[in-house]
Amino acid sequence: MKNGDKTNVMRVLDRKKISYVSYTYEPDSALSGEEIAGILHEDAQKVFKTLVTQGKSGQYYVFVVPVKGELDLKKAAKAAEEKSIRMLKQKELLPLTGYVHGGCSPIGMKKPFPTWLHESAKQYDQIYVSGGKVGFQIELSPQDLAEVVGCGFADVLVAV
């Protein structure tokens, strides 16, 4: 990868001296998280998606959950101490975060938002999150992600 190919996420991690591995694949916004896990030859439980929400108060919140999981809005609201939470509409994502759907990373958003990483991440040495552009994934430790984003851990998935 050429230096000019670094995403904002990689620049943030480099600046904070956080160890990571970057992966690229043919960008296709139609790929599901599970398909991306297949491209990475990884268990989909280790590949996380970034979901942006808005609470009843108007505050924005970020939840980083396994790609196979579904965010439980009630559990998310409880974690954020909100009466209720709604998913952000796709068209609202870019102006708020600086990221497009399919390339949204919890790292390097336009401004920091309260963020929770699903507690299942703690059982892995390394997890994958978006590298900040469609076609880019970052592998790093959940502890490093929590440190760089300032996030907590919570059970916010729909029970299966």
C-alpha atoms as a PDB file:
ATOM      1  CA  MET A   1       0.000   0.000   0.000  1.00  0.00           C
ATOM      2  CA  LYS A   2       1.379   3.406  -0.943  1.00  0.00           C
ATOM      3  CA  ASN A   3       1.592   6.064   1.762  1.00  0.00           C
ATOM      4  CA  GLY A   4      -1.026   8.128  -0.081  1.00  0.00           C
ATOM      5  CA  ASP A   5      -3.445   5.213   0.334  1.00  0.00           C
ATOM      6  CA  LYS A   6      -3.614   5.671   4.104  1.00  0.00           C
ATOM      7  CA  THR A   7      -7.062   6.423   5.419  1.00  0.00           C
ATOM      8  CA  ASN A   8      -7.824   8.879   8.200  1.00  0.00           C
ATOM      9  CA  VAL A   9      -8.267   5.850  10.506  1.00  0.00           C
ATOM     10  CA  MET A  10      -4.695   4.695   9.780  1.00  0.00           C
ATOM     11  CA  ARG A  11      -3.322   8.204  10.324  1.00  0.00           C
ATOM     12  CA  VAL A  12      -5.069   8.417  13.735  1.00  0.00           C
ATOM     13  CA  LEU A  13      -3.686   5.003  14.751  1.00  0.00           C
ATOM     14  CA  ASP A  14      -0.182   5.919  13.529  1.00  0.00           C
ATOM     15  CA  ARG A  15      -0.285   9.211  15.447  1.00  0.00           C
ATOM     16  CA  LYS A  16      -1.323   7.409  18.645  1.00  0.00           C
ATOM     17  CA  LYS A  17       1.286   4.666  18.007  1.00  0.00           C
ATOM     18  CA  ILE A  18      -1.377   1.938  18.034  1.00  0.00           C
ATOM     19  CA  SER A  19      -0.384  -1.349  16.400  1.00  0.00           C
ATOM     20  CA  TYR A  20      -2.701  -2.482  13.570  1.00  0.00           C
ATOM     21  CA  VAL A  21      -2.780  -4.397  10.304  1.00  0.00           C
ATOM     22  CA  SER A  22      -4.675  -2.989   7.335  1.00  0.00           C
ATOM     23  CA  TYR A  23      -6.432  -5.042   4.659  1.00  0.00           C
ATOM     24  CA  THR A  24      -7.881  -3.944   1.366  1.00  0.00           C
ATOM     25  CA  TYR A  25     -10.353  -5.664  -0.916  1.00  0.00           C
ATOM     26  CA  GLU A  26     -12.208  -4.717  -4.061  1.00  0.00           C
ATOM     27  CA  PRO A  27     -14.625  -2.047  -2.827  1.00  0.00           C
ATOM     28  CA  ASP A  28     -18.265  -2.966  -3.270  1.00  0.00           C
ATOM     29  CA  SER A  29     -20.758  -1.245  -0.986  1.00  0.00           C
ATOM     30  CA  ALA A  30     -23.166  -4.124  -1.595  1.00  0.00           C
ATOM     31  CA  LEU A  31     -20.951  -6.577   0.317  1.00  0.00           C
ATOM     32  CA  SER A  32     -22.380  -7.713   3.635  1.00  0.00           C
ATOM     33  CA  GLY A  33     -20.263  -7.868   6.763  1.00  0.00           C
ATOM     34  CA  GLU A  34     -20.345 -11.656   6.566  1.00  0.00           C
ATOM     35  CA  GLU A  35     -19.033 -11.522   2.979  1.00  0.00           C
ATOM     36  CA  ILE A  36     -16.210  -9.225   4.133  1.00  0.00           C
ATOM     37  CA  ALA A  37     -15.387 -11.732   6.909  1.00  0.00           C
ATOM     38  CA  GLY A  38     -15.144 -14.391   4.174  1.00  0.00           C
ATOM     39  CA  ILE A  39     -12.773 -12.216   2.140  1.00  0.00           C
ATOM     40  CA  LEU A  40     -10.616 -11.813   5.274  1.00  0.00           C
ATOM     41  CA  HIS A  41     -10.842 -15.587   5.946  1.00  0.00           C
ATOM     42  CA  GLU A  42     -12.028 -14.760   9.459  1.00  0.00           C
ATOM     43  CA  ASP A  43     -14.838 -15.784  11.764  1.00  0.00           C
ATOM     44  CA  ALA A  44     -17.652 -13.237  11.338  1.00  0.00           C
ATOM     45  CA  GLN A  45     -17.786 -12.917  15.157  1.00  0.00           C
ATOM     46  CA  LYS A  46     -14.401 -11.104  14.980  1.00  0.00           C
ATOM     47  CA  VAL A  47     -15.499  -8.657  12.267  1.00  0.00           C
ATOM     48  CA  PHE A  48     -17.359  -5.645  13.655  1.00  0.00           C
ATOM     49  CA  LYS A  49     -19.634  -3.045  12.077  1.00  0.00           C
ATOM     50  CA  THR A  50     -20.052   0.528  13.271  1.00  0.00           C
ATOM     51  CA  LEU A  51     -23.611   1.711  13.863  1.00  0.00           C
ATOM     52  CA  VAL A  52     -24.474   5.343  14.532  1.00  0.00           C
ATOM     53  CA  THR A  53     -27.624   6.189  16.488  1.00  0.00           C
ATOM     54  CA  GLN A  54     -29.402   9.170  17.940  1.00  0.00           C
ATOM     55  CA  GLY A  55     -31.015   9.257  21.356  1.00  0.00           C
ATOM     56  CA  LYS A  56     -34.300  10.926  22.272  1.00  0.00           C
ATOM     57  CA  SER A  57     -32.193  13.735  23.805  1.00  0.00           C
ATOM     58  CA  GLY A  58     -30.661  14.478  20.382  1.00  0.00           C
ATOM     59  CA  GLN A  59     -27.219  13.133  21.395  1.00  0.00           C
ATOM     60  CA  TYR A  60     -25.472  10.773  18.958  1.00  0.00           C
ATOM     61  CA  TYR A  61     -24.059   7.395  20.004  1.00  0.00           C
ATOM     62  CA  VAL A  62     -21.878   4.814  18.281  1.00  0.00           C
ATOM     63  CA  PHE A  63     -22.140   1.039  18.752  1.00  0.00           C
ATOM     64  CA  VAL A  64     -19.518  -1.360  17.392  1.00  0.00           C
ATOM     65  CA  VAL A  65     -21.007  -4.849  17.111  1.00  0.00           C
ATOM     66  CA  PRO A  66     -20.256  -8.141  15.318  1.00  0.00           C
ATOM     67  CA  VAL A  67     -21.405  -8.046  11.678  1.00  0.00           C
ATOM     68  CA  LYS A  68     -23.741 -11.004  12.273  1.00  0.00           C
ATOM     69  CA  GLY A  69     -25.358  -9.289  15.253  1.00  0.00           C
ATOM     70  CA  GLU A  70     -28.358  -7.009  15.390  1.00  0.00           C
ATOM     71  CA  LEU A  71     -28.338  -3.953  17.646  1.00  0.00           C
ATOM     72  CA  ASP A  72     -30.988  -4.161  20.369  1.00  0.00           C
ATOM     73  CA  LEU A  73     -32.250  -0.575  20.522  1.00  0.00           C
ATOM     74  CA  LYS A  74     -33.594  -1.038  24.068  1.00  0.00           C
ATOM     75  CA  LYS A  75     -30.246  -2.352  25.353  1.00  0.00           C
ATOM     76  CA  ALA A  76     -28.438   0.422  23.443  1.00  0.00           C
ATOM     77  CA  ALA A  77     -30.703   3.063  24.992  1.00  0.00           C
ATOM     78  CA  LYS A  78     -30.048   1.609  28.448  1.00  0.00           C
ATOM     79  CA  ALA A  79     -26.262   1.672  27.873  1.00  0.00           C
ATOM     80  CA  ALA A  80     -26.514   5.315  26.748  1.00  0.00           C
ATOM     81  CA  GLU A  81     -28.939   6.190  29.569  1.00  0.00           C
ATOM     82  CA  GLU A  82     -31.527   7.365  27.039  1.00  0.00           C
ATOM     83  CA  LYS A  83     -35.299   6.814  26.956  1.00  0.00           C
ATOM     84  CA  SER A  84     -35.009   5.571  23.382  1.00  0.00           C
ATOM     85  CA  ILE A  85     -32.561   5.375  20.477  1.00  0.00           C
ATOM     86  CA  ARG A  86     -33.050   5.276  16.722  1.00  0.00           C
ATOM     87  CA  MET A  87     -30.694   4.240  13.944  1.00  0.00           C
ATOM     88  CA  LEU A  88     -29.276   7.141  11.966  1.00  0.00           C
ATOM     89  CA  LYS A  89     -30.595   7.405   8.410  1.00  0.00           C
ATOM     90  CA  GLN A  90     -27.984   6.613   5.753  1.00  0.00           C
ATOM     91  CA  LYS A  91     -28.102  10.160   4.320  1.00  0.00           C
ATOM     92  CA  GLU A  92     -27.293  11.611   7.777  1.00  0.00           C
ATOM     93  CA  LEU A  93     -24.128   9.525   8.186  1.00  0.00           C
ATOM     94  CA  LEU A  94     -21.612  11.369   5.963  1.00  0.00           C
ATOM     95  CA  PRO A  95     -22.348  14.936   7.188  1.00  0.00           C
ATOM     96  CA  LEU A  96     -22.205  13.813  10.831  1.00  0.00           C
ATOM     97  CA  THR A  97     -19.264  11.382  10.828  1.00  0.00           C
ATOM     98  CA  GLY A  98     -17.317  12.061   7.632  1.00  0.00           C
ATOM     99  CA  TYR A  99     -17.855   8.425   6.627  1.00  0.00           C
ATOM    100  CA  VAL A 100     -20.104   6.743   4.060  1.00  0.00           C
ATOM    101  CA  HIS A 101     -22.268   3.679   4.637  1.00  0.00           C
ATOM    102  CA  GLY A 102     -20.057   0.582   4.361  1.00  0.00           C
ATOM    103  CA  GLY A 103     -16.941   2.562   5.286  1.00  0.00           C
ATOM    104  CA  CYS A 104     -17.901   3.938   8.695  1.00  0.00           C
ATOM    105  CA  SER A 105     -15.255   3.422  11.370  1.00  0.00           C
ATOM    106  CA  PRO A 106     -15.472   4.207  15.076  1.00  0.00           C
ATOM    107  CA  ILE A 107     -11.982   5.748  14.715  1.00  0.00           C
ATOM    108  CA  GLY A 108     -11.485   9.249  13.311  1.00  0.00           C
ATOM    109  CA  MET A 109     -15.059  10.503  13.067  1.00  0.00           C
ATOM    110  CA  LYS A 110     -15.472  14.271  12.551  1.00  0.00           C
ATOM    111  CA  LYS A 111     -16.034  14.542  16.292  1.00  0.00           C
ATOM    112  CA  PRO A 112     -16.010  11.999  19.098  1.00  0.00           C
ATOM    113  CA  PHE A 113     -19.294  10.459  20.211  1.00  0.00           C
ATOM    114  CA  PRO A 114     -19.997   8.214  23.193  1.00  0.00           C
ATOM    115  CA  THR A 115     -19.137   4.746  21.886  1.00  0.00           C
ATOM    116  CA  TRP A 116     -19.681   1.170  23.068  1.00  0.00           C
ATOM    117  CA  LEU A 117     -17.937  -1.941  21.798  1.00  0.00           C
ATOM    118  CA  HIS A 118     -19.911  -5.157  22.122  1.00  0.00           C
ATOM    119  CA  GLU A 119     -18.588  -7.122  25.091  1.00  0.00           C
ATOM    120  CA  SER A 120     -17.891 -10.203  22.930  1.00  0.00           C
ATOM    121  CA  ALA A 121     -14.836  -8.341  21.556  1.00  0.00           C
ATOM    122  CA  LYS A 122     -13.047  -8.923  24.870  1.00  0.00           C
ATOM    123  CA  GLN A 123     -12.704 -12.647  24.125  1.00  0.00           C
ATOM    124  CA  TYR A 124     -10.479 -11.986  21.072  1.00  0.00           C
ATOM    125  CA  ASP A 125      -6.865 -10.857  20.831  1.00  0.00           C
ATOM    126  CA  GLN A 126      -7.650  -9.066  17.558  1.00  0.00           C
ATOM    127  CA  ILE A 127     -10.843  -7.811  15.903  1.00  0.00           C
ATOM    128  CA  TYR A 128     -11.610  -6.095  12.591  1.00  0.00           C
ATOM    129  CA  VAL A 129     -13.324  -2.749  12.030  1.00  0.00           C
ATOM    130  CA  SER A 130     -13.745  -0.575   8.968  1.00  0.00           C
ATOM    131  CA  GLY A 131     -10.647   1.268   7.863  1.00  0.00           C
ATOM    132  CA  GLY A 132     -12.703   4.373   7.111  1.00  0.00           C
ATOM    133  CA  LYS A 133     -13.365   3.723   3.417  1.00  0.00           C
ATOM    134  CA  VAL A 134     -15.250   1.015   1.574  1.00  0.00           C
ATOM    135  CA  GLY A 135     -12.655  -1.652   0.760  1.00  0.00           C
ATOM    136  CA  PHE A 136     -10.484  -1.097   3.859  1.00  0.00           C
ATOM    137  CA  GLN A 137     -10.469  -3.102   7.107  1.00  0.00           C
ATOM    138  CA  ILE A 138      -8.269  -2.655  10.165  1.00  0.00           C
ATOM    139  CA  GLU A 139      -7.219  -5.456  12.507  1.00  0.00           C
ATOM    140  CA  LEU A 140      -6.343  -4.353  16.044  1.00  0.00           C
ATOM    141  CA  SER A 141      -6.818  -5.400  19.643  1.00  0.00           C
ATOM    142  CA  PRO A 142     -10.179  -4.549  21.246  1.00  0.00           C
ATOM    143  CA  GLN A 143      -8.282  -2.898  24.125  1.00  0.00           C
ATOM    144  CA  ASP A 144      -6.424  -0.625  21.684  1.00  0.00           C
ATOM    145  CA  LEU A 145      -9.709   0.237  19.970  1.00  0.00           C
ATOM    146  CA  ALA A 146     -11.316   1.035  23.334  1.00  0.00           C
ATOM    147  CA  GLU A 147      -8.325   3.207  24.243  1.00  0.00           C
ATOM    148  CA  VAL A 148      -8.179   5.167  20.987  1.00  0.00           C
ATOM    149  CA  VAL A 149     -11.954   5.757  20.826  1.00  0.00           C
ATOM    150  CA  GLY A 150     -12.521   6.039  24.569  1.00  0.00           C
ATOM    151  CA  CYS A 151     -15.313   3.490  24.511  1.00  0.00           C
ATOM    152  CA  GLY A 152     -16.827   1.153  27.020  1.00  0.00           C
ATOM    153  CA  PHE A 153     -18.021  -2.428  26.607  1.00  0.00           C
ATOM    154  CA  ALA A 154     -21.709  -3.388  26.713  1.00  0.00           C
ATOM    155  CA  ASP A 155     -24.107  -6.163  25.753  1.00  0.00           C
ATOM    156  CA  VAL A 156     -26.220  -4.377  23.148  1.00  0.00           C
ATOM    157  CA  LEU A 157     -27.179  -7.217  20.790  1.00  0.00           C
ATOM    158  CA  VAL A 158     -30.536  -8.827  20.218  1.00  0.00           C
ATOM    159  CA  ALA A 159     -30.436 -12.203  21.955  1.00  0.00           C
ATOM    160  CA  VAL A 160     -30.433 -15.134  19.506  1.00  0.00           C
END
